[in-house]
Amino acid sequence: MMQTDVKATWCNAGGKTIVFEGRTRFKGVTISSGIGGNVAVNNGTTNIWFFASSSGVGSSFNVLLPGEGIIASGNLSVTCGNASATVIYG
């Protein structure tokens, strides 16, 4: 059975946010990046997804992960460096 309910959590530029404490799935992210921005999504202390601005220019975009997304068995968190992000999970 496909899961359809999702939630979203915001991470400010230069910040770190605990998205969910416990088991969940990382399903997507919306990023607004400044020059040299980066976003790291973590399962506990292990990086499971990473974005880095490659050209030195700012941009905004959405990333939706296929299927059920990436499982995070520990705490799902996001760290934003010169970028803000809305993490979609569930």
PDB file of N, CA and C in Angstrom:
ATOM      1  N   MET A   1       0.840  -1.168   0.000  1.00  0.00           N
ATOM      2  CA  MET A   1       0.000   0.000   0.000  1.00  0.00           C
ATOM      3  C   MET A   1       0.892   1.241   0.000  1.00  0.00           C
ATOM      4  N   MET A   2       0.573   2.201  -0.847  1.00  0.00           N
ATOM      5  CA  MET A   2       1.356   3.417  -0.930  1.00  0.00           C
ATOM      6  C   MET A   2       0.939   4.400   0.160  1.00  0.00           C
ATOM      7  N   GLN A   3       1.936   4.984   0.793  1.00  0.00           N
ATOM      8  CA  GLN A   3       1.683   5.994   1.811  1.00  0.00           C
ATOM      9  C   GLN A   3       1.478   7.342   1.124  1.00  0.00           C
ATOM     10  N   THR A   4       0.464   8.093   1.514  1.00  0.00           N
ATOM     11  CA  THR A   4       0.188   9.354   0.845  1.00  0.00           C
ATOM     12  C   THR A   4       0.282  10.573   1.758  1.00  0.00           C
ATOM     13  N   ASP A   5       0.292  10.381   3.077  1.00  0.00           N
ATOM     14  CA  ASP A   5       0.365  11.532   3.965  1.00  0.00           C
ATOM     15  C   ASP A   5       1.813  11.996   4.098  1.00  0.00           C
ATOM     16  N   VAL A   6       2.023  13.305   3.997  1.00  0.00           N
ATOM     17  CA  VAL A   6       3.353  13.888   4.129  1.00  0.00           C
ATOM     18  C   VAL A   6       3.277  15.114   5.030  1.00  0.00           C
ATOM     19  N   LYS A   7       4.426  15.476   5.557  1.00  0.00           N
ATOM     20  CA  LYS A   7       4.567  16.678   6.385  1.00  0.00           C
ATOM     21  C   LYS A   7       5.755  17.456   5.853  1.00  0.00           C
ATOM     22  N   ALA A   8       5.912  18.691   6.311  1.00  0.00           N
ATOM     23  CA  ALA A   8       7.039  19.510   5.874  1.00  0.00           C
ATOM     24  C   ALA A   8       7.604  20.296   7.046  1.00  0.00           C
ATOM     25  N   THR A   9       8.915  20.487   7.039  1.00  0.00           N
ATOM     26  CA  THR A   9       9.609  21.258   8.070  1.00  0.00           C
ATOM     27  C   THR A   9      10.601  22.187   7.395  1.00  0.00           C
ATOM     28  N   TRP A  10      10.732  23.403   7.927  1.00  0.00           N
ATOM     29  CA  TRP A  10      11.565  24.460   7.370  1.00  0.00           C
ATOM     30  C   TRP A  10      12.915  24.515   8.070  1.00  0.00           C
ATOM     31  N   CYS A  11      13.977  24.803   7.308  1.00  0.00           N
ATOM     32  CA  CYS A  11      15.317  25.037   7.845  1.00  0.00           C
ATOM     33  C   CYS A  11      15.809  26.375   7.304  1.00  0.00           C
ATOM     34  N   ASN A  12      16.139  27.303   8.203  1.00  0.00           N
ATOM     35  CA  ASN A  12      16.672  28.602   7.800  1.00  0.00           C
ATOM     36  C   ASN A  12      18.113  28.491   7.330  1.00  0.00           C
ATOM     37  N   ALA A  13      18.535  29.419   6.489  1.00  0.00           N
ATOM     38  CA  ALA A  13      19.921  29.464   6.028  1.00  0.00           C
ATOM     39  C   ALA A  13      20.855  29.566   7.228  1.00  0.00           C
ATOM     40  N   GLY A  14      21.901  28.755   7.211  1.00  0.00           N
ATOM     41  CA  GLY A  14      22.867  28.753   8.308  1.00  0.00           C
ATOM     42  C   GLY A  14      22.413  27.981   9.534  1.00  0.00           C
ATOM     43  N   GLY A  15      21.315  27.237   9.426  1.00  0.00           N
ATOM     44  CA  GLY A  15      20.772  26.538  10.585  1.00  0.00           C
ATOM     45  C   GLY A  15      20.775  25.034  10.455  1.00  0.00           C
ATOM     46  N   LYS A  16      20.382  24.373  11.546  1.00  0.00           N
ATOM     47  CA  LYS A  16      20.193  22.926  11.568  1.00  0.00           C
ATOM     48  C   LYS A  16      18.851  22.663  12.224  1.00  0.00           C
ATOM     49  N   THR A  17      18.056  21.763  11.643  1.00  0.00           N
ATOM     50  CA  THR A  17      16.715  21.466  12.136  1.00  0.00           C
ATOM     51  C   THR A  17      16.533  19.963  12.266  1.00  0.00           C
ATOM     52  N   ILE A  18      16.007  19.522  13.412  1.00  0.00           N
ATOM     53  CA  ILE A  18      15.582  18.135  13.551  1.00  0.00           C
ATOM     54  C   ILE A  18      14.211  18.061  12.878  1.00  0.00           C
ATOM     55  N   VAL A  19      14.113  17.311  11.805  1.00  0.00           N
ATOM     56  CA  VAL A  19      12.878  17.203  11.039  1.00  0.00           C
ATOM     57  C   VAL A  19      11.902  16.267  11.745  1.00  0.00           C
ATOM     58  N   PHE A  20      12.404  15.086  12.156  1.00  0.00           N
ATOM     59  CA  PHE A  20      11.552  14.097  12.820  1.00  0.00           C
ATOM     60  C   PHE A  20      12.424  13.196  13.677  1.00  0.00           C
ATOM     61  N   GLU A  21      12.014  12.957  14.903  1.00  0.00           N
ATOM     62  CA  GLU A  21      12.739  12.054  15.798  1.00  0.00           C
ATOM     63  C   GLU A  21      12.109  10.675  15.707  1.00  0.00           C
ATOM     64  N   GLY A  22      12.834   9.739  15.118  1.00  0.00           N
ATOM     65  CA  GLY A  22      12.322   8.393  14.919  1.00  0.00           C
ATOM     66  C   GLY A  22      12.397   7.997  13.457  1.00  0.00           C
ATOM     67  N   ARG A  23      11.725   6.908  13.107  1.00  0.00           N
ATOM     68  CA  ARG A  23      11.746   6.370  11.745  1.00  0.00           C
ATOM     69  C   ARG A  23      10.766   7.124  10.855  1.00  0.00           C
ATOM     70  N   THR A  24      11.243   7.564   9.690  1.00  0.00           N
ATOM     71  CA  THR A  24      10.395   8.240   8.708  1.00  0.00           C
ATOM     72  C   THR A  24      11.067   8.148   7.346  1.00  0.00           C
ATOM     73  N   ARG A  25      10.435   8.700   6.334  1.00  0.00           N
ATOM     74  CA  ARG A  25      10.996   8.705   4.986  1.00  0.00           C
ATOM     75  C   ARG A  25      11.179  10.130   4.496  1.00  0.00           C
ATOM     76  N   PHE A  26      12.367  10.402   3.958  1.00  0.00           N
ATOM     77  CA  PHE A  26      12.678  11.675   3.309  1.00  0.00           C
ATOM     78  C   PHE A  26      12.131  11.576   1.893  1.00  0.00           C
ATOM     79  N   LYS A  27      11.163  12.460   1.553  1.00  0.00           N
ATOM     80  CA  LYS A  27      10.464  12.341   0.271  1.00  0.00           C
ATOM     81  C   LYS A  27      10.787  13.442  -0.726  1.00  0.00           C
ATOM     82  N   GLY A  28      11.308  14.566  -0.260  1.00  0.00           N
ATOM     83  CA  GLY A  28      11.635  15.640  -1.181  1.00  0.00           C
ATOM     84  C   GLY A  28      12.082  16.875  -0.444  1.00  0.00           C
ATOM     85  N   VAL A  29      12.461  17.886  -1.212  1.00  0.00           N
ATOM     86  CA  VAL A  29      12.948  19.128  -0.614  1.00  0.00           C
ATOM     87  C   VAL A  29      12.759  20.276  -1.610  1.00  0.00           C
ATOM     88  N   THR A  30      12.444  21.444  -1.090  1.00  0.00           N
ATOM     89  CA  THR A  30      12.436  22.683  -1.861  1.00  0.00           C
ATOM     90  C   THR A  30      13.571  23.533  -1.323  1.00  0.00           C
ATOM     91  N   ILE A  31      14.458  23.990  -2.199  1.00  0.00           N
ATOM     92  CA  ILE A  31      15.649  24.719  -1.784  1.00  0.00           C
ATOM     93  C   ILE A  31      15.670  26.100  -2.414  1.00  0.00           C
ATOM     94  N   SER A  32      16.015  27.095  -1.608  1.00  0.00           N
ATOM     95  CA  SER A  32      16.342  28.433  -2.088  1.00  0.00           C
ATOM     96  C   SER A  32      17.786  28.669  -1.687  1.00  0.00           C
ATOM     97  N   SER A  33      18.674  28.665  -2.682  1.00  0.00           N
ATOM     98  CA  SER A  33      20.105  28.699  -2.414  1.00  0.00           C
ATOM     99  C   SER A  33      20.705  30.052  -2.722  1.00  0.00           C
ATOM    100  N   GLY A  34      21.571  30.498  -1.830  1.00  0.00           N
ATOM    101  CA  GLY A  34      22.388  31.665  -2.097  1.00  0.00           C
ATOM    102  C   GLY A  34      23.656  31.233  -2.810  1.00  0.00           C
ATOM    103  N   ILE A  35      24.569  32.146  -3.024  1.00  0.00           N
ATOM    104  CA  ILE A  35      25.831  31.828  -3.666  1.00  0.00           C
ATOM    105  C   ILE A  35      26.603  30.838  -2.804  1.00  0.00           C
ATOM    106  N   GLY A  36      27.007  29.724  -3.387  1.00  0.00           N
ATOM    107  CA  GLY A  36      27.756  28.700  -2.664  1.00  0.00           C
ATOM    108  C   GLY A  36      26.943  27.969  -1.617  1.00  0.00           C
ATOM    109  N   GLY A  37      25.622  27.904  -1.784  1.00  0.00           N
ATOM    110  CA  GLY A  37      24.753  27.265  -0.803  1.00  0.00           C
ATOM    111  C   GLY A  37      24.860  25.751  -0.802  1.00  0.00           C
ATOM    112  N   ASN A  38      24.506  25.156   0.341  1.00  0.00           N
ATOM    113  CA  ASN A  38      24.467  23.699   0.433  1.00  0.00           C
ATOM    114  C   ASN A  38      23.413  23.266   1.432  1.00  0.00           C
ATOM    115  N   VAL A  39      22.896  22.066   1.226  1.00  0.00           N
ATOM    116  CA  VAL A  39      21.894  21.463   2.106  1.00  0.00           C
ATOM    117  C   VAL A  39      22.272  20.002   2.296  1.00  0.00           C
ATOM    118  N   ALA A  40      22.346  19.565   3.556  1.00  0.00           N
ATOM    119  CA  ALA A  40      22.634  18.166   3.879  1.00  0.00           C
ATOM    120  C   ALA A  40      21.465  17.590   4.661  1.00  0.00           C
ATOM    121  N   VAL A  41      20.957  16.448   4.205  1.00  0.00           N
ATOM    122  CA  VAL A  41      19.888  15.738   4.913  1.00  0.00           C
ATOM    123  C   VAL A  41      20.522  14.509   5.546  1.00  0.00           C
ATOM    124  N   ASN A  42      20.256  14.319   6.844  1.00  0.00           N
ATOM    125  CA  ASN A  42      20.931  13.264   7.609  1.00  0.00           C
ATOM    126  C   ASN A  42      19.970  12.312   8.286  1.00  0.00           C
ATOM    127  N   ASN A  43      20.409  11.056   8.394  1.00  0.00           N
ATOM    128  CA  ASN A  43      19.755  10.020   9.180  1.00  0.00           C
ATOM    129  C   ASN A  43      20.638   9.849  10.412  1.00  0.00           C
ATOM    130  N   GLY A  44      20.273  10.474  11.514  1.00  0.00           N
ATOM    131  CA  GLY A  44      21.162  10.510  12.679  1.00  0.00           C
ATOM    132  C   GLY A  44      22.380  11.325  12.317  1.00  0.00           C
ATOM    133  N   THR A  45      23.565  10.702  12.304  1.00  0.00           N
ATOM    134  CA  THR A  45      24.789  11.409  11.933  1.00  0.00           C
ATOM    135  C   THR A  45      25.266  11.053  10.529  1.00  0.00           C
ATOM    136  N   THR A  46      24.512  10.214   9.802  1.00  0.00           N
ATOM    137  CA  THR A  46      24.897   9.778   8.458  1.00  0.00           C
ATOM    138  C   THR A  46      24.199  10.611   7.397  1.00  0.00           C
ATOM    139  N   ASN A  47      24.969  11.162   6.476  1.00  0.00           N
ATOM    140  CA  ASN A  47      24.409  11.948   5.384  1.00  0.00           C
ATOM    141  C   ASN A  47      23.717  11.009   4.404  1.00  0.00           C
ATOM    142  N   ILE A  48      22.434  11.315   4.075  1.00  0.00           N
ATOM    143  CA  ILE A  48      21.707  10.490   3.098  1.00  0.00           C
ATOM    144  C   ILE A  48      21.402  11.242   1.803  1.00  0.00           C
ATOM    145  N   TRP A  49      21.556  12.576   1.814  1.00  0.00           N
ATOM    146  CA  TRP A  49      21.309  13.361   0.607  1.00  0.00           C
ATOM    147  C   TRP A  49      22.028  14.684   0.765  1.00  0.00           C
ATOM    148  N   PHE A  50      22.647  15.201  -0.324  1.00  0.00           N
ATOM    149  CA  PHE A  50      23.408  16.441  -0.236  1.00  0.00           C
ATOM    150  C   PHE A  50      23.253  17.253  -1.511  1.00  0.00           C
ATOM    151  N   PHE A  51      23.119  18.582  -1.357  1.00  0.00           N
ATOM    152  CA  PHE A  51      23.079  19.517  -2.478  1.00  0.00           C
ATOM    153  C   PHE A  51      24.149  20.572  -2.254  1.00  0.00           C
ATOM    154  N   ALA A  52      24.873  20.924  -3.313  1.00  0.00           N
ATOM    155  CA  ALA A  52      25.829  22.033  -3.265  1.00  0.00           C
ATOM    156  C   ALA A  52      25.678  22.843  -4.537  1.00  0.00           C
ATOM    157  N   SER A  53      25.567  24.161  -4.391  1.00  0.00           N
ATOM    158  CA  SER A  53      25.475  25.052  -5.539  1.00  0.00           C
ATOM    159  C   SER A  53      26.786  24.969  -6.318  1.00  0.00           C
ATOM    160  N   SER A  54      26.707  24.665  -7.599  1.00  0.00           N
ATOM    161  CA  SER A  54      27.924  24.413  -8.371  1.00  0.00           C
ATOM    162  C   SER A  54      28.479  25.635  -9.093  1.00  0.00           C
ATOM    163  N   SER A  55      27.638  26.598  -9.416  1.00  0.00           N
ATOM    164  CA  SER A  55      28.117  27.695 -10.261  1.00  0.00           C
ATOM    165  C   SER A  55      28.335  29.002  -9.522  1.00  0.00           C
ATOM    166  N   GLY A  56      28.066  29.026  -8.241  1.00  0.00           N
ATOM    167  CA  GLY A  56      28.253  30.257  -7.490  1.00  0.00           C
ATOM    168  C   GLY A  56      27.093  31.227  -7.600  1.00  0.00           C
ATOM    169  N   VAL A  57      26.016  30.833  -8.258  1.00  0.00           N
ATOM    170  CA  VAL A  57      24.841  31.693  -8.356  1.00  0.00           C
ATOM    171  C   VAL A  57      23.700  31.092  -7.544  1.00  0.00           C
ATOM    172  N   GLY A  58      22.824  31.935  -7.066  1.00  0.00           N
ATOM    173  CA  GLY A  58      21.681  31.469  -6.296  1.00  0.00           C
ATOM    174  C   GLY A  58      20.606  30.876  -7.193  1.00  0.00           C
ATOM    175  N   SER A  59      19.796  29.995  -6.614  1.00  0.00           N
ATOM    176  CA  SER A  59      18.711  29.382  -7.380  1.00  0.00           C
ATOM    177  C   SER A  59      17.659  28.827  -6.428  1.00  0.00           C
ATOM    178  N   SER A  60      16.478  28.553  -6.977  1.00  0.00           N
ATOM    179  CA  SER A  60      15.400  27.907  -6.222  1.00  0.00           C
ATOM    180  C   SER A  60      14.864  26.759  -7.051  1.00  0.00           C
ATOM    181  N   PHE A  61      14.633  25.612  -6.391  1.00  0.00           N
ATOM    182  CA  PHE A  61      14.128  24.459  -7.122  1.00  0.00           C
ATOM    183  C   PHE A  61      13.559  23.424  -6.165  1.00  0.00           C
ATOM    184  N   ASN A  62      12.840  22.454  -6.725  1.00  0.00           N
ATOM    185  CA  ASN A  62      12.237  21.343  -5.977  1.00  0.00           C
ATOM    186  C   ASN A  62      12.898  20.039  -6.387  1.00  0.00           C
ATOM    187  N   VAL A  63      13.044  19.123  -5.425  1.00  0.00           N
ATOM    188  CA  VAL A  63      13.522  17.780  -5.697  1.00  0.00           C
ATOM    189  C   VAL A  63      12.535  16.817  -5.053  1.00  0.00           C
ATOM    190  N   LEU A  64      11.902  15.968  -5.849  1.00  0.00           N
ATOM    191  CA  LEU A  64      11.013  14.931  -5.333  1.00  0.00           C
ATOM    192  C   LEU A  64      11.678  13.590  -5.557  1.00  0.00           C
ATOM    193  N   LEU A  65      11.796  12.794  -4.511  1.00  0.00           N
ATOM    194  CA  LEU A  65      12.457  11.492  -4.609  1.00  0.00           C
ATOM    195  C   LEU A  65      11.469  10.451  -5.132  1.00  0.00           C
ATOM    196  N   PRO A  66      11.927   9.533  -5.958  1.00  0.00           N
ATOM    197  CA  PRO A  66      11.026   8.522  -6.531  1.00  0.00           C
ATOM    198  C   PRO A  66      10.566   7.502  -5.496  1.00  0.00           C
ATOM    199  N   GLY A  67       9.486   6.820  -5.828  1.00  0.00           N
ATOM    200  CA  GLY A  67       8.965   5.753  -4.973  1.00  0.00           C
ATOM    201  C   GLY A  67       8.559   6.273  -3.610  1.00  0.00           C
ATOM    202  N   GLU A  68       9.006   5.590  -2.585  1.00  0.00           N
ATOM    203  CA  GLU A  68       8.683   5.971  -1.203  1.00  0.00           C
ATOM    204  C   GLU A  68       9.743   6.859  -0.581  1.00  0.00           C
ATOM    205  N   GLY A  69      10.731   7.314  -1.358  1.00  0.00           N
ATOM    206  CA  GLY A  69      11.779   8.170  -0.823  1.00  0.00           C
ATOM    207  C   GLY A  69      12.887   7.366  -0.159  1.00  0.00           C
ATOM    208  N   ILE A  70      13.657   8.033   0.710  1.00  0.00           N
ATOM    209  CA  ILE A  70      14.782   7.406   1.409  1.00  0.00           C
ATOM    210  C   ILE A  70      14.393   7.201   2.867  1.00  0.00           C
ATOM    211  N   ILE A  71      14.521   5.980   3.368  1.00  0.00           N
ATOM    212  CA  ILE A  71      14.166   5.682   4.751  1.00  0.00           C
ATOM    213  C   ILE A  71      15.230   6.252   5.694  1.00  0.00           C
ATOM    214  N   ALA A  72      14.772   6.864   6.761  1.00  0.00           N
ATOM    215  CA  ALA A  72      15.648   7.331   7.841  1.00  0.00           C
ATOM    216  C   ALA A  72      15.214   6.588   9.095  1.00  0.00           C
ATOM    217  N   SER A  73      16.040   5.665   9.552  1.00  0.00           N
ATOM    218  CA  SER A  73      15.680   4.849  10.710  1.00  0.00           C
ATOM    219  C   SER A  73      15.958   5.558  12.027  1.00  0.00           C
ATOM    220  N   GLY A  74      16.821   6.590  11.993  1.00  0.00           N
ATOM    221  CA  GLY A  74      17.111   7.396  13.174  1.00  0.00           C
ATOM    222  C   GLY A  74      16.465   8.754  13.030  1.00  0.00           C
ATOM    223  N   ASN A  75      16.997   9.741  13.680  1.00  0.00           N
ATOM    224  CA  ASN A  75      16.447  11.090  13.579  1.00  0.00           C
ATOM    225  C   ASN A  75      16.766  11.693  12.218  1.00  0.00           C
ATOM    226  N   LEU A  76      15.746  12.188  11.523  1.00  0.00           N
ATOM    227  CA  LEU A  76      15.921  12.872  10.250  1.00  0.00           C
ATOM    228  C   LEU A  76      16.185  14.344  10.555  1.00  0.00           C
ATOM    229  N   SER A  77      17.318  14.858  10.048  1.00  0.00           N
ATOM    230  CA  SER A  77      17.658  16.260  10.279  1.00  0.00           C
ATOM    231  C   SER A  77      18.174  16.885   8.994  1.00  0.00           C
ATOM    232  N   VAL A  78      18.210  18.213   8.960  1.00  0.00           N
ATOM    233  CA  VAL A  78      18.718  18.939   7.795  1.00  0.00           C
ATOM    234  C   VAL A  78      19.603  20.079   8.280  1.00  0.00           C
ATOM    235  N   THR A  79      20.721  20.284   7.571  1.00  0.00           N
ATOM    236  CA  THR A  79      21.641  21.382   7.852  1.00  0.00           C
ATOM    237  C   THR A  79      21.729  22.237   6.602  1.00  0.00           C
ATOM    238  N   CYS A  80      21.539  23.551   6.766  1.00  0.00           N
ATOM    239  CA  CYS A  80      21.518  24.470   5.631  1.00  0.00           C
ATOM    240  C   CYS A  80      22.667  25.472   5.736  1.00  0.00           C
ATOM    241  N   GLY A  81      23.500  25.521   4.716  1.00  0.00           N
ATOM    242  CA  GLY A  81      24.586  26.493   4.650  1.00  0.00           C
ATOM    243  C   GLY A  81      24.329  27.449   3.499  1.00  0.00           C
ATOM    244  N   ASN A  82      24.048  28.709   3.780  1.00  0.00           N
ATOM    245  CA  ASN A  82      23.736  29.734   2.786  1.00  0.00           C
ATOM    246  C   ASN A  82      22.628  29.286   1.824  1.00  0.00           C
ATOM    247  N   ALA A  83      21.675  28.544   2.375  1.00  0.00           N
ATOM    248  CA  ALA A  83      20.498  28.095   1.630  1.00  0.00           C
ATOM    249  C   ALA A  83      19.403  27.809   2.660  1.00  0.00           C
ATOM    250  N   SER A  84      18.172  27.965   2.259  1.00  0.00           N
ATOM    251  CA  SER A  84      17.055  27.563   3.115  1.00  0.00           C
ATOM    252  C   SER A  84      16.344  26.395   2.434  1.00  0.00           C
ATOM    253  N   ALA A  85      15.681  25.564   3.242  1.00  0.00           N
ATOM    254  CA  ALA A  85      15.060  24.373   2.666  1.00  0.00           C
ATOM    255  C   ALA A  85      13.769  24.019   3.398  1.00  0.00           C
ATOM    256  N   THR A  86      12.809  23.512   2.652  1.00  0.00           N
ATOM    257  CA  THR A  86      11.620  22.890   3.205  1.00  0.00           C
ATOM    258  C   THR A  86      11.736  21.399   2.913  1.00  0.00           C
ATOM    259  N   VAL A  87      11.851  20.595   3.964  1.00  0.00           N
ATOM    260  CA  VAL A  87      12.014  19.147   3.821  1.00  0.00           C
ATOM    261  C   VAL A  87      10.638  18.494   3.889  1.00  0.00           C
ATOM    262  N   ILE A  88      10.348  17.638   2.916  1.00  0.00           N
ATOM    263  CA  ILE A  88       9.085  16.906   2.862  1.00  0.00           C
ATOM    264  C   ILE A  88       9.371  15.478   3.312  1.00  0.00           C
ATOM    265  N   TYR A  89       8.588  15.009   4.269  1.00  0.00           N
ATOM    266  CA  TYR A  89       8.832  13.686   4.851  1.00  0.00           C
ATOM    267  C   TYR A  89       7.519  13.037   5.238  1.00  0.00           C
ATOM    268  N   GLY A  90       7.560  11.768   5.582  1.00  0.00           N
ATOM    269  CA  GLY A  90       6.350  11.084   6.042  1.00  0.00           C
ATOM    270  C   GLY A  90       6.488   9.596   5.989  1.00  0.00           C
TER     271      GLY A  90
END
